[in-house]
C-alpha atoms as a PDB file:
ATOM      1  CA  MET A   1     -76.516 103.535 160.534  1.00  0.00           C
ATOM      2  CA  ARG A   2     -74.027 100.441 159.270  1.00  0.00           C
ATOM      3  CA  THR A   3     -77.430  98.428 158.879  1.00  0.00           C
ATOM      4  CA  LEU A   4     -78.700 101.008 156.200  1.00  0.00           C
ATOM      5  CA  GLN A   5     -75.649 101.495 154.620  1.00  0.00           C
ATOM      6  CA  TYR A   6     -75.316  97.469 153.869  1.00  0.00           C
ATOM      7  CA  THR A   7     -79.238  97.506 152.748  1.00  0.00           C
ATOM      8  CA  ARG A   8     -78.521 100.054 150.278  1.00  0.00           C
ATOM      9  CA  LEU A   9     -75.351  98.041 148.861  1.00  0.00           C
ATOM     10  CA  LEU A  10     -77.564  95.007 149.134  1.00  0.00           C
ATOM     11  CA  VAL A  11     -80.383  96.815 146.971  1.00  0.00           C
ATOM     12  CA  ALA A  12     -77.755  98.126 144.502  1.00  0.00           C
ATOM     13  CA  CYS A  13     -76.445  94.718 143.801  1.00  0.00           C
ATOM     14  CA  LEU A  14     -79.570  93.254 143.533  1.00  0.00           C
ATOM     15  CA  LEU A  15     -80.627  96.058 140.926  1.00  0.00           C
ATOM     16  CA  SER A  16     -77.440  95.658 138.932  1.00  0.00           C
ATOM     17  CA  ALA A  17     -77.360  91.824 138.931  1.00  0.00           C
ATOM     18  CA  SER A  18     -81.359  92.181 137.575  1.00  0.00           C
ATOM     19  CA  VAL A  19     -79.930  94.979 134.797  1.00  0.00           C
ATOM     20  CA  VAL A  20     -77.533  91.871 133.690  1.00  0.00           C
ATOM     21  CA  TYR A  21     -79.920  89.122 134.193  1.00  0.00           C
ATOM     22  CA  PHE A  22     -82.214  90.738 132.196  1.00  0.00           C
ATOM     23  CA  SER A  23     -80.037  92.222 129.425  1.00  0.00           C
ATOM     24  CA  LEU A  24     -78.352  88.944 128.784  1.00  0.00           C
ATOM     25  CA  ALA A  25     -81.680  86.763 128.743  1.00  0.00           C
ATOM     26  CA  THR A  26     -82.414  88.833 125.740  1.00  0.00           C
ATOM     27  CA  ILE A  27     -79.473  87.905 123.518  1.00  0.00           C
ATOM     28  CA  GLU A  28     -79.872  84.574 120.986  1.00  0.00           C
ATOM     29  CA  ALA A  29     -76.887  82.824 120.311  1.00  0.00           C
ATOM     30  CA  VAL A  30     -76.144  81.774 117.043  1.00  0.00           C
ATOM     31  CA  TYR A  31     -73.879  79.118 116.164  1.00  0.00           C
ATOM     32  CA  ALA A  32     -72.105  78.450 112.746  1.00  0.00           C
ATOM     33  CA  THR A  33     -71.625  75.073 111.106  1.00  0.00           C
ATOM     34  CA  THR A  34     -68.705  74.025 109.459  1.00  0.00           C
ATOM     35  CA  TYR A  35     -69.010  71.447 106.694  1.00  0.00           C
ATOM     36  CA  TYR A  36     -66.441  69.898 104.821  1.00  0.00           C
ATOM     37  CA  ALA A  37     -68.070  68.807 101.513  1.00  0.00           C
ATOM     38  CA  LYS A  38     -67.338  68.517  97.533  1.00  0.00           C
ATOM     39  CA  VAL A  39     -68.113  71.914  96.255  1.00  0.00           C
ATOM     40  CA  THR A  40     -67.862  72.739  92.465  1.00  0.00           C
ATOM     41  CA  GLY A  41     -68.243  75.370  89.975  1.00  0.00           C
ATOM     42  CA  TYR A  42     -70.655  75.660  87.456  1.00  0.00           C
ATOM     43  CA  ALA A  43     -71.635  78.661  84.764  1.00  0.00           C
ATOM     44  CA  PHE A  44     -73.985  79.630  81.580  1.00  0.00           C
ATOM     45  CA  ALA A  45     -77.130  78.720  83.362  1.00  0.00           C
ATOM     46  CA  SER A  46     -79.578  81.520  83.566  1.00  0.00           C
ATOM     47  CA  THR A  47     -82.843  80.841  85.633  1.00  0.00           C
ATOM     48  CA  SER A  48     -82.622  78.703  88.614  1.00  0.00           C
ATOM     49  CA  ALA A  49     -84.908  76.466  90.535  1.00  0.00           C
ATOM     50  CA  SER A  50     -86.018  79.171  92.793  1.00  0.00           C
ATOM     51  CA  GLY A  51     -87.346  80.867  89.416  1.00  0.00           C
ATOM     52  CA  VAL A  52     -84.726  83.768  90.121  1.00  0.00           C
ATOM     53  CA  THR A  53     -81.954  84.679  87.612  1.00  0.00           C
ATOM     54  CA  LEU A  54     -78.507  83.272  88.447  1.00  0.00           C
ATOM     55  CA  GLN A  55     -76.021  86.005  89.977  1.00  0.00           C
ATOM     56  CA  GLN A  56     -72.452  85.107  90.588  1.00  0.00           C
ATOM     57  CA  ASN A  57     -72.991  85.262  94.421  1.00  0.00           C
ATOM     58  CA  HIS A  58     -75.630  82.266  94.324  1.00  0.00           C
ATOM     59  CA  PHE A  59     -74.993  78.453  94.938  1.00  0.00           C
ATOM     60  CA  ALA A  60     -76.704  75.216  94.543  1.00  0.00           C
ATOM     61  CA  ASN A  61     -77.198  72.337  96.547  1.00  0.00           C
ATOM     62  CA  HIS A  62     -79.429  68.866  96.518  1.00  0.00           C
ATOM     63  CA  PRO A  63     -83.094  69.346  96.153  1.00  0.00           C
ATOM     64  CA  PRO A  64     -85.188  68.422  99.342  1.00  0.00           C
ATOM     65  CA  GLN A  65     -85.228  65.292 101.036  1.00  0.00           C
ATOM     66  CA  THR A  66     -82.314  64.089  98.882  1.00  0.00           C
ATOM     67  CA  MET A  67     -81.014  60.700 100.129  1.00  0.00           C
ATOM     68  CA  CYS A  68     -77.283  60.110  99.746  1.00  0.00           C
ATOM     69  CA  GLY A  69     -75.028  56.922  99.983  1.00  0.00           C
ATOM     70  CA  ASN A  70     -75.360  53.410 100.722  1.00  0.00           C
ATOM     71  CA  PRO A  71     -77.314  52.954 103.209  1.00  0.00           C
ATOM     72  CA  PRO A  72     -78.888  55.935 102.179  1.00  0.00           C
ATOM     73  CA  ILE A  73     -78.507  58.870 104.897  1.00  0.00           C
ATOM     74  CA  ARG A  74     -80.577  62.555 104.272  1.00  0.00           C
ATOM     75  CA  ASP A  75     -78.920  65.232 103.478  1.00  0.00           C
ATOM     76  CA  TRP A  76     -80.502  67.988 105.175  1.00  0.00           C
ATOM     77  CA  SER A  77     -78.701  70.972 103.745  1.00  0.00           C
ATOM     78  CA  GLY A  78     -81.310  70.138 100.702  1.00  0.00           C
ATOM     79  CA  ASP A  79     -83.726  71.297 102.959  1.00  0.00           C
ATOM     80  CA  TRP A  80     -82.013  74.929 103.310  1.00  0.00           C
ATOM     81  CA  PRO A  81     -84.767  77.915 102.559  1.00  0.00           C
ATOM     82  CA  TRP A  82     -83.928  79.884  99.285  1.00  0.00           C
ATOM     83  CA  GLY A  83     -81.630  82.783 100.282  1.00  0.00           C
ATOM     84  CA  THR A  84     -79.392  80.611 102.816  1.00  0.00           C
ATOM     85  CA  GLN A  85     -75.974  82.052 102.997  1.00  0.00           C
ATOM     86  CA  ILE A  86     -72.760  80.122 103.233  1.00  0.00           C
ATOM     87  CA  THR A  87     -69.378  81.395 103.855  1.00  0.00           C
ATOM     88  CA  MET A  88     -66.413  79.850 101.933  1.00  0.00           C
ATOM     89  CA  ALA A  89     -63.303  79.258 104.370  1.00  0.00           C
ATOM     90  CA  ASN A  90     -61.184  80.579 101.686  1.00  0.00           C
ATOM     91  CA  PRO A  91     -61.952  83.401  99.128  1.00  0.00           C
ATOM     92  CA  VAL A  92     -63.392  82.098  95.748  1.00  0.00           C
ATOM     93  CA  THR A  93     -61.642  84.245  92.482  1.00  0.00           C
ATOM     94  CA  GLN A  94     -64.532  85.116  90.000  1.00  0.00           C
ATOM     95  CA  ARG A  95     -64.707  87.636  86.974  1.00  0.00           C
ATOM     96  CA  THR A  96     -66.953  90.598  85.859  1.00  0.00           C
ATOM     97  CA  ALA A  97     -67.879  91.018  82.221  1.00  0.00           C
ATOM     98  CA  SER A  98     -64.995  92.875  81.421  1.00  0.00           C
ATOM     99  CA  ASN A  99     -62.861  90.039  82.665  1.00  0.00           C
ATOM    100  CA  VAL A 100     -61.697  91.837  85.917  1.00  0.00           C
ATOM    101  CA  ALA A 101     -60.998  89.018  88.618  1.00  0.00           C
ATOM    102  CA  TYR A 102     -62.245  89.777  92.060  1.00  0.00           C
ATOM    103  CA  THR A 103     -62.624  87.540  95.085  1.00  0.00           C
ATOM    104  CA  ARG A 104     -66.085  86.420  97.417  1.00  0.00           C
ATOM    105  CA  ARG A 105     -66.289  84.142 100.373  1.00  0.00           C
ATOM    106  CA  VAL A 106     -70.359  84.548 100.783  1.00  0.00           C
ATOM    107  CA  PHE A 107     -73.103  82.718  98.418  1.00  0.00           C
ATOM    108  CA  TYR A 108     -76.466  82.374  98.904  1.00  0.00           C
ATOM    109  CA  LEU A 109     -78.659  79.430  97.779  1.00  0.00           C
ATOM    110  CA  TYR A 110     -81.097  79.537  94.841  1.00  0.00           C
ATOM    111  CA  ASP A 111     -80.548  76.679  92.803  1.00  0.00           C
ATOM    112  CA  ASN A 112     -80.390  72.777  93.231  1.00  0.00           C
ATOM    113  CA  GLY A 113     -78.645  70.188  91.218  1.00  0.00           C
ATOM    114  CA  ASP A 114     -77.855  66.510  91.602  1.00  0.00           C
ATOM    115  CA  PRO A 115     -80.871  65.069  92.599  1.00  0.00           C
ATOM    116  CA  TYR A 116     -79.178  61.596  92.938  1.00  0.00           C
ATOM    117  CA  CYS A 117     -76.296  62.684  94.954  1.00  0.00           C
ATOM    118  CA  THR A 118     -73.328  61.598  93.304  1.00  0.00           C
ATOM    119  CA  GLN A 119     -71.714  64.617  94.436  1.00  0.00           C
ATOM    120  CA  GLY A 120     -71.767  63.743  98.386  1.00  0.00           C
ATOM    121  CA  VAL A 121     -73.530  65.105 101.428  1.00  0.00           C
ATOM    122  CA  ASN A 122     -73.893  68.814 101.783  1.00  0.00           C
ATOM    123  CA  TRP A 123     -72.294  69.336  98.050  1.00  0.00           C
ATOM    124  CA  ALA A 124     -72.504  73.099  97.125  1.00  0.00           C
ATOM    125  CA  ASP A 125     -72.210  73.916  93.439  1.00  0.00           C
ATOM    126  CA  LEU A 126     -71.346  77.905  93.117  1.00  0.00           C
ATOM    127  CA  TYR A 127     -72.329  79.903  90.148  1.00  0.00           C
ATOM    128  CA  PHE A 128     -69.920  81.679  88.230  1.00  0.00           C
ATOM    129  CA  GLY A 129     -71.942  83.717  86.073  1.00  0.00           C
ATOM    130  CA  ARG A 130     -72.856  83.731  82.064  1.00  0.00           C
ATOM    131  CA  TYR A 131     -70.044  86.101  80.678  1.00  0.00           C
ATOM    132  CA  LYS A 132     -68.404  85.271  77.593  1.00  0.00           C
ATOM    133  CA  GLN A 133     -66.187  87.157  74.884  1.00  0.00           C
ATOM    134  CA  ASN A 134     -68.142  86.211  71.971  1.00  0.00           C
ATOM    135  CA  GLN A 135     -71.643  84.360  73.147  1.00  0.00           C
ATOM    136  CA  ALA A 136     -72.913  83.639  69.644  1.00  0.00           C
ATOM    137  CA  SER A 137     -69.775  81.180  69.382  1.00  0.00           C
ATOM    138  CA  ASN A 138     -70.091  77.771  71.397  1.00  0.00           C
ATOM    139  CA  CYS A 139     -71.974  79.155  74.420  1.00  0.00           C
ATOM    140  CA  THR A 140     -71.983  75.518  76.021  1.00  0.00           C
ATOM    141  CA  CYS A 141     -70.834  74.851  79.367  1.00  0.00           C
ATOM    142  CA  PRO A 142     -70.423  70.947  80.718  1.00  0.00           C
ATOM    143  CA  GLY A 143     -73.339  69.877  83.071  1.00  0.00           C
ATOM    144  CA  VAL A 144     -75.574  72.854  82.186  1.00  0.00           C
ATOM    145  CA  SER A 145     -78.814  72.591  79.921  1.00  0.00           C
ATOM    146  CA  PRO A 146     -79.982  74.777  78.640  1.00  0.00           C
ATOM    147  CA  ASN A 147     -76.996  77.286  78.302  1.00  0.00           C
ATOM    148  CA  SER A 148     -76.983  81.005  78.398  1.00  0.00           C
ATOM    149  CA  CYS A 149     -74.223  83.517  77.582  1.00  0.00           C
ATOM    150  CA  VAL A 150     -74.160  87.283  77.998  1.00  0.00           C
ATOM    151  CA  ALA A 151     -71.669  89.122  76.044  1.00  0.00           C
ATOM    152  CA  GLY A 152     -68.352  90.268  77.699  1.00  0.00           C
ATOM    153  CA  THR A 153     -65.229  91.914  76.884  1.00  0.00           C
ATOM    154  CA  ASN A 154     -61.423  91.154  77.213  1.00  0.00           C
ATOM    155  CA  ASN A 155     -61.679  87.213  76.688  1.00  0.00           C
ATOM    156  CA  VAL A 156     -63.694  86.586  79.737  1.00  0.00           C
ATOM    157  CA  ASN A 157     -65.269  83.012  79.777  1.00  0.00           C
ATOM    158  CA  ASN A 158     -67.054  82.125  82.921  1.00  0.00           C
ATOM    159  CA  CYS A 159     -67.134  78.531  82.055  1.00  0.00           C
ATOM    160  CA  THR A 160     -63.490  78.243  82.072  1.00  0.00           C
ATOM    161  CA  ASP A 161     -63.787  79.977  85.237  1.00  0.00           C
ATOM    162  CA  ALA A 162     -65.764  77.396  86.667  1.00  0.00           C
ATOM    163  CA  THR A 163     -64.049  74.506  84.811  1.00  0.00           C
ATOM    164  CA  ASN A 164     -60.523  75.661  86.618  1.00  0.00           C
ATOM    165  CA  PHE A 165     -62.187  75.950  89.936  1.00  0.00           C
ATOM    166  CA  GLY A 166     -63.122  72.355  89.371  1.00  0.00           C
ATOM    167  CA  SER A 167     -63.860  69.796  92.269  1.00  0.00           C
ATOM    168  CA  ALA A 168     -62.549  69.620  95.476  1.00  0.00           C
ATOM    169  CA  TYR A 169     -63.151  68.875  99.380  1.00  0.00           C
ATOM    170  CA  ARG A 170     -63.364  72.395 100.693  1.00  0.00           C
ATOM    171  CA  TYR A 171     -64.812  73.922 104.220  1.00  0.00           C
ATOM    172  CA  TYR A 172     -67.635  76.050 104.331  1.00  0.00           C
ATOM    173  CA  SER A 173     -69.772  77.434 106.893  1.00  0.00           C
ATOM    174  CA  GLN A 174     -73.296  78.023 107.418  1.00  0.00           C
ATOM    175  CA  PRO A 175     -74.656  80.169 110.292  1.00  0.00           C
END
């Protein structure tokens, strides 16, 4: 009788262990990589290198196969596919067409820039938008050509927002 109980217990343990093992074997581990790199802001661009219309949740990085520094090293972030997501460690304030501030942390890759890698490895350029109160007057933003503005209200100017964001080393992660 006692042998039968031990046998049943052993079978139950083996079955439970098998279920746990096969359940865990199907889980895929995803690790985020954190970067500390120069992050800049830009505005008033319209069509991205990927061919889509830029939106406030987009960012740019180096073109594929970009080499940085002396001696040159490969910036592998330039090889990320369109749509790659990054998450900023700190929220970024942006403004709607009616100049209402909001924050976001998640951006998606749809543009390229800095082909000579003057901004350093893993550089990211966050897009702030095209809204301007009077788009017919001085629709220019440094570093962007051609410039393109969209009518906004309440003194909105996404170029000013991008300029005020500036250029600094910041943390972001890419899953």
